[in-house]
Amino acid sequence: MPVPPQAERRAIVAAGAVVVDDEGRVLLVRRGHAPSAGEWTLPGGRVEAGETPEAAIVRELREETALVASVVASLGVVTLEREGATYVIHEYLVRPESHVASAGDDAADVRWVEERELAALGVRSDAVAIIRRGLSHPARARGS
């Protein structure tokens, strides 16, 4: 019996970042390419072969926003369906070395936003849930 096309697809392993500045604002990127081109969301991308999710998010953040950062804490794993693909995203709270971000790689724009601005920017509910998890994480409160 043939395998249905959906079963042949493998999930794409990715990493995402909740980056919070000293004022409690979150860094968003406007996607320049699929998936979700044109949408405001969290920075992140695919985990490359031989790379850990933690290393991937540090790399992706540097490529998309020019920020150098370190992982503070895991925020869990989220599975999303976008444009015919399944993404398994390892989400992290990260601390940047500076707050001067600029769009690069596949990001069309970057912006620091307050939580109250998320809905007006059309940020999807799954990303908002991860942002709130990052904003309330005990490691952020300790400044770890």
C-alpha atoms as a PDB file:
ATOM      1  CA  MET A   1       0.000   0.000   0.000  1.00  0.00           C
ATOM      2  CA  PRO A   2       1.485   3.417  -0.961  1.00  0.00           C
ATOM      3  CA  VAL A   3       2.369   5.897   1.774  1.00  0.00           C
ATOM      4  CA  PRO A   4       0.209   9.044   1.697  1.00  0.00           C
ATOM      5  CA  PRO A   5       2.187  12.178   0.720  1.00  0.00           C
ATOM      6  CA  GLN A   6       1.574  13.736   4.151  1.00  0.00           C
ATOM      7  CA  ALA A   7       3.256  10.784   5.872  1.00  0.00           C
ATOM      8  CA  GLU A   8       6.331  11.093   3.625  1.00  0.00           C
ATOM      9  CA  ARG A   9       7.056  14.631   4.795  1.00  0.00           C
ATOM     10  CA  ARG A  10       9.410  15.056   7.681  1.00  0.00           C
ATOM     11  CA  ALA A  11       8.988  17.787  10.215  1.00  0.00           C
ATOM     12  CA  ILE A  12      11.394  20.693   9.823  1.00  0.00           C
ATOM     13  CA  VAL A  13      13.320  21.262  13.035  1.00  0.00           C
ATOM     14  CA  ALA A  14      13.748  24.952  13.788  1.00  0.00           C
ATOM     15  CA  ALA A  15      14.642  27.325  16.614  1.00  0.00           C
ATOM     16  CA  GLY A  16      12.983  30.577  17.674  1.00  0.00           C
ATOM     17  CA  ALA A  17      13.951  33.396  20.029  1.00  0.00           C
ATOM     18  CA  VAL A  18      12.163  35.650  22.446  1.00  0.00           C
ATOM     19  CA  VAL A  19      14.563  38.579  22.797  1.00  0.00           C
ATOM     20  CA  VAL A  20      13.602  41.128  25.440  1.00  0.00           C
ATOM     21  CA  ASP A  21      15.304  44.472  26.014  1.00  0.00           C
ATOM     22  CA  ASP A  22      15.775  46.318  29.321  1.00  0.00           C
ATOM     23  CA  GLU A  23      12.435  48.113  28.830  1.00  0.00           C
ATOM     24  CA  GLY A  24      10.503  44.845  28.420  1.00  0.00           C
ATOM     25  CA  ARG A  25      10.092  45.226  24.661  1.00  0.00           C
ATOM     26  CA  VAL A  26      10.301  42.173  22.398  1.00  0.00           C
ATOM     27  CA  LEU A  27      12.227  41.951  19.145  1.00  0.00           C
ATOM     28  CA  LEU A  28      10.137  40.987  16.118  1.00  0.00           C
ATOM     29  CA  VAL A  29      11.160  40.359  12.530  1.00  0.00           C
ATOM     30  CA  ARG A  30       9.067  40.820   9.428  1.00  0.00           C
ATOM     31  CA  ARG A  31       9.600  37.714   7.328  1.00  0.00           C
ATOM     32  CA  GLY A  32      11.035  38.405   3.898  1.00  0.00           C
ATOM     33  CA  HIS A  33      10.426  34.893   2.563  1.00  0.00           C
ATOM     34  CA  ALA A  34       8.151  31.878   3.101  1.00  0.00           C
ATOM     35  CA  PRO A  35       6.951  30.627   5.399  1.00  0.00           C
ATOM     36  CA  SER A  36       4.824  33.538   6.558  1.00  0.00           C
ATOM     37  CA  ALA A  37       6.376  36.134   4.237  1.00  0.00           C
ATOM     38  CA  GLY A  38       5.418  39.666   5.269  1.00  0.00           C
ATOM     39  CA  GLU A  39       4.303  38.671   8.773  1.00  0.00           C
ATOM     40  CA  TRP A  40       5.735  39.992  12.013  1.00  0.00           C
ATOM     41  CA  THR A  41       6.986  37.127  14.160  1.00  0.00           C
ATOM     42  CA  LEU A  42       9.842  35.947  16.340  1.00  0.00           C
ATOM     43  CA  PRO A  43      13.316  35.611  14.863  1.00  0.00           C
ATOM     44  CA  GLY A  44      14.432  32.089  14.075  1.00  0.00           C
ATOM     45  CA  GLY A  45      14.921  29.459  11.458  1.00  0.00           C
ATOM     46  CA  ARG A  46      15.967  25.932  10.580  1.00  0.00           C
ATOM     47  CA  VAL A  47      18.427  23.903  12.584  1.00  0.00           C
ATOM     48  CA  GLU A  48      21.217  22.847  10.231  1.00  0.00           C
ATOM     49  CA  ALA A  49      22.712  19.337  10.115  1.00  0.00           C
ATOM     50  CA  GLY A  50      25.015  18.742  13.065  1.00  0.00           C
ATOM     51  CA  GLU A  51      23.820  21.875  14.854  1.00  0.00           C
ATOM     52  CA  THR A  52      22.035  22.023  18.211  1.00  0.00           C
ATOM     53  CA  PRO A  53      18.851  24.100  18.461  1.00  0.00           C
ATOM     54  CA  GLU A  54      20.671  26.405  20.910  1.00  0.00           C
ATOM     55  CA  ALA A  55      23.488  27.024  18.422  1.00  0.00           C
ATOM     56  CA  ALA A  56      20.953  27.470  15.624  1.00  0.00           C
ATOM     57  CA  ILE A  57      19.066  30.245  17.405  1.00  0.00           C
ATOM     58  CA  VAL A  58      22.258  32.137  18.216  1.00  0.00           C
ATOM     59  CA  ARG A  59      23.268  31.870  14.522  1.00  0.00           C
ATOM     60  CA  GLU A  60      19.803  32.724  13.172  1.00  0.00           C
ATOM     61  CA  LEU A  61      19.484  35.740  15.441  1.00  0.00           C
ATOM     62  CA  ARG A  62      22.848  37.057  14.239  1.00  0.00           C
ATOM     63  CA  GLU A  63      21.929  36.443  10.575  1.00  0.00           C
ATOM     64  CA  GLU A  64      18.428  37.948  10.778  1.00  0.00           C
ATOM     65  CA  THR A  65      19.000  40.841  13.179  1.00  0.00           C
ATOM     66  CA  ALA A  66      22.784  41.358  13.546  1.00  0.00           C
ATOM     67  CA  LEU A  67      22.438  40.736  17.290  1.00  0.00           C
ATOM     68  CA  VAL A  68      24.929  38.640  19.196  1.00  0.00           C
ATOM     69  CA  ALA A  69      23.107  36.819  21.978  1.00  0.00           C
ATOM     70  CA  SER A  70      23.222  33.922  24.383  1.00  0.00           C
ATOM     71  CA  VAL A  71      20.520  31.455  25.386  1.00  0.00           C
ATOM     72  CA  VAL A  72      19.071  32.117  28.845  1.00  0.00           C
ATOM     73  CA  ALA A  73      16.383  29.412  29.057  1.00  0.00           C
ATOM     74  CA  SER A  74      14.290  27.013  27.031  1.00  0.00           C
ATOM     75  CA  LEU A  75      10.666  28.038  26.514  1.00  0.00           C
ATOM     76  CA  GLY A  76       9.630  24.633  25.196  1.00  0.00           C
ATOM     77  CA  VAL A  77       8.910  23.133  21.805  1.00  0.00           C
ATOM     78  CA  VAL A  78       6.024  24.187  19.570  1.00  0.00           C
ATOM     79  CA  THR A  79       4.725  22.326  16.514  1.00  0.00           C
ATOM     80  CA  LEU A  80       3.235  24.502  13.759  1.00  0.00           C
ATOM     81  CA  GLU A  81       1.707  23.855  10.348  1.00  0.00           C
ATOM     82  CA  ARG A  82       2.564  26.560   7.809  1.00  0.00           C
ATOM     83  CA  GLU A  83       2.166  26.529   4.050  1.00  0.00           C
ATOM     84  CA  GLY A  84       2.066  22.748   3.759  1.00  0.00           C
ATOM     85  CA  ALA A  85       4.962  22.022   6.102  1.00  0.00           C
ATOM     86  CA  THR A  86       5.247  20.958   9.730  1.00  0.00           C
ATOM     87  CA  TYR A  87       7.749  22.853  11.876  1.00  0.00           C
ATOM     88  CA  VAL A  88       8.979  21.647  15.249  1.00  0.00           C
ATOM     89  CA  ILE A  89      10.337  24.826  16.823  1.00  0.00           C
ATOM     90  CA  HIS A  90      12.587  24.875  19.889  1.00  0.00           C
ATOM     91  CA  GLU A  91      11.836  28.225  21.509  1.00  0.00           C
ATOM     92  CA  TYR A  92      14.360  30.077  23.685  1.00  0.00           C
ATOM     93  CA  LEU A  93      14.604  33.140  25.846  1.00  0.00           C
ATOM     94  CA  VAL A  94      17.837  34.834  24.787  1.00  0.00           C
ATOM     95  CA  ARG A  95      19.825  37.798  26.056  1.00  0.00           C
ATOM     96  CA  PRO A  96      21.401  40.116  23.469  1.00  0.00           C
ATOM     97  CA  GLU A  97      24.766  41.790  24.009  1.00  0.00           C
ATOM     98  CA  SER A  98      23.340  45.001  22.529  1.00  0.00           C
ATOM     99  CA  HIS A  99      19.939  46.252  21.413  1.00  0.00           C
ATOM    100  CA  VAL A 100      20.951  47.656  18.041  1.00  0.00           C
ATOM    101  CA  ALA A 101      19.202  45.359  15.576  1.00  0.00           C
ATOM    102  CA  SER A 102      19.074  45.578  11.800  1.00  0.00           C
ATOM    103  CA  ALA A 103      17.320  43.419   9.223  1.00  0.00           C
ATOM    104  CA  GLY A 104      19.481  40.908   7.434  1.00  0.00           C
ATOM    105  CA  ASP A 105      19.302  37.475   5.771  1.00  0.00           C
ATOM    106  CA  ASP A 106      15.609  36.692   5.206  1.00  0.00           C
ATOM    107  CA  ALA A 107      14.219  39.399   7.523  1.00  0.00           C
ATOM    108  CA  ALA A 108      12.590  42.310   5.697  1.00  0.00           C
ATOM    109  CA  ASP A 109      12.503  44.461   8.854  1.00  0.00           C
ATOM    110  CA  VAL A 110      13.109  44.282  12.604  1.00  0.00           C
ATOM    111  CA  ARG A 111      11.378  46.152  15.375  1.00  0.00           C
ATOM    112  CA  TRP A 112      11.339  46.332  19.178  1.00  0.00           C
ATOM    113  CA  VAL A 113       7.695  46.301  20.335  1.00  0.00           C
ATOM    114  CA  GLU A 114       5.720  46.401  23.534  1.00  0.00           C
ATOM    115  CA  GLU A 115       3.380  43.515  24.298  1.00  0.00           C
ATOM    116  CA  ARG A 116       0.332  45.741  23.747  1.00  0.00           C
ATOM    117  CA  GLU A 117       1.427  46.313  20.104  1.00  0.00           C
ATOM    118  CA  LEU A 118       1.416  42.624  19.103  1.00  0.00           C
ATOM    119  CA  ALA A 119      -2.234  42.450  17.998  1.00  0.00           C
ATOM    120  CA  ALA A 120      -1.980  45.607  15.872  1.00  0.00           C
ATOM    121  CA  LEU A 121       0.997  44.081  14.042  1.00  0.00           C
ATOM    122  CA  GLY A 122      -0.958  40.894  13.356  1.00  0.00           C
ATOM    123  CA  VAL A 123       1.345  38.654  15.381  1.00  0.00           C
ATOM    124  CA  ARG A 124      -0.166  35.165  15.407  1.00  0.00           C
ATOM    125  CA  SER A 125      -1.553  33.776  18.646  1.00  0.00           C
ATOM    126  CA  ASP A 126       1.018  30.962  18.806  1.00  0.00           C
ATOM    127  CA  ALA A 127       3.861  33.516  18.724  1.00  0.00           C
ATOM    128  CA  VAL A 128       2.085  35.720  21.286  1.00  0.00           C
ATOM    129  CA  ALA A 129       1.840  32.727  23.643  1.00  0.00           C
ATOM    130  CA  ILE A 130       5.612  32.121  23.383  1.00  0.00           C
ATOM    131  CA  ILE A 131       6.325  35.838  23.858  1.00  0.00           C
ATOM    132  CA  ARG A 132       4.241  35.873  27.038  1.00  0.00           C
ATOM    133  CA  ARG A 133       6.034  32.752  28.253  1.00  0.00           C
ATOM    134  CA  GLY A 134       9.356  34.531  27.707  1.00  0.00           C
ATOM    135  CA  LEU A 135       8.248  37.775  29.331  1.00  0.00           C
ATOM    136  CA  SER A 136       7.103  35.934  32.457  1.00  0.00           C
ATOM    137  CA  HIS A 137      10.000  33.450  32.667  1.00  0.00           C
ATOM    138  CA  PRO A 138      11.784  33.562  36.065  1.00  0.00           C
ATOM    139  CA  ALA A 139      15.214  33.705  34.381  1.00  0.00           C
ATOM    140  CA  ARG A 140      14.272  37.045  32.781  1.00  0.00           C
ATOM    141  CA  ALA A 141      13.205  38.492  36.134  1.00  0.00           C
ATOM    142  CA  ARG A 142      16.552  37.468  37.641  1.00  0.00           C
ATOM    143  CA  GLY A 143      18.433  38.974  34.734  1.00  0.00           C
ATOM    144  CA  SER A 144      20.175  35.638  34.233  1.00  0.00           C
END
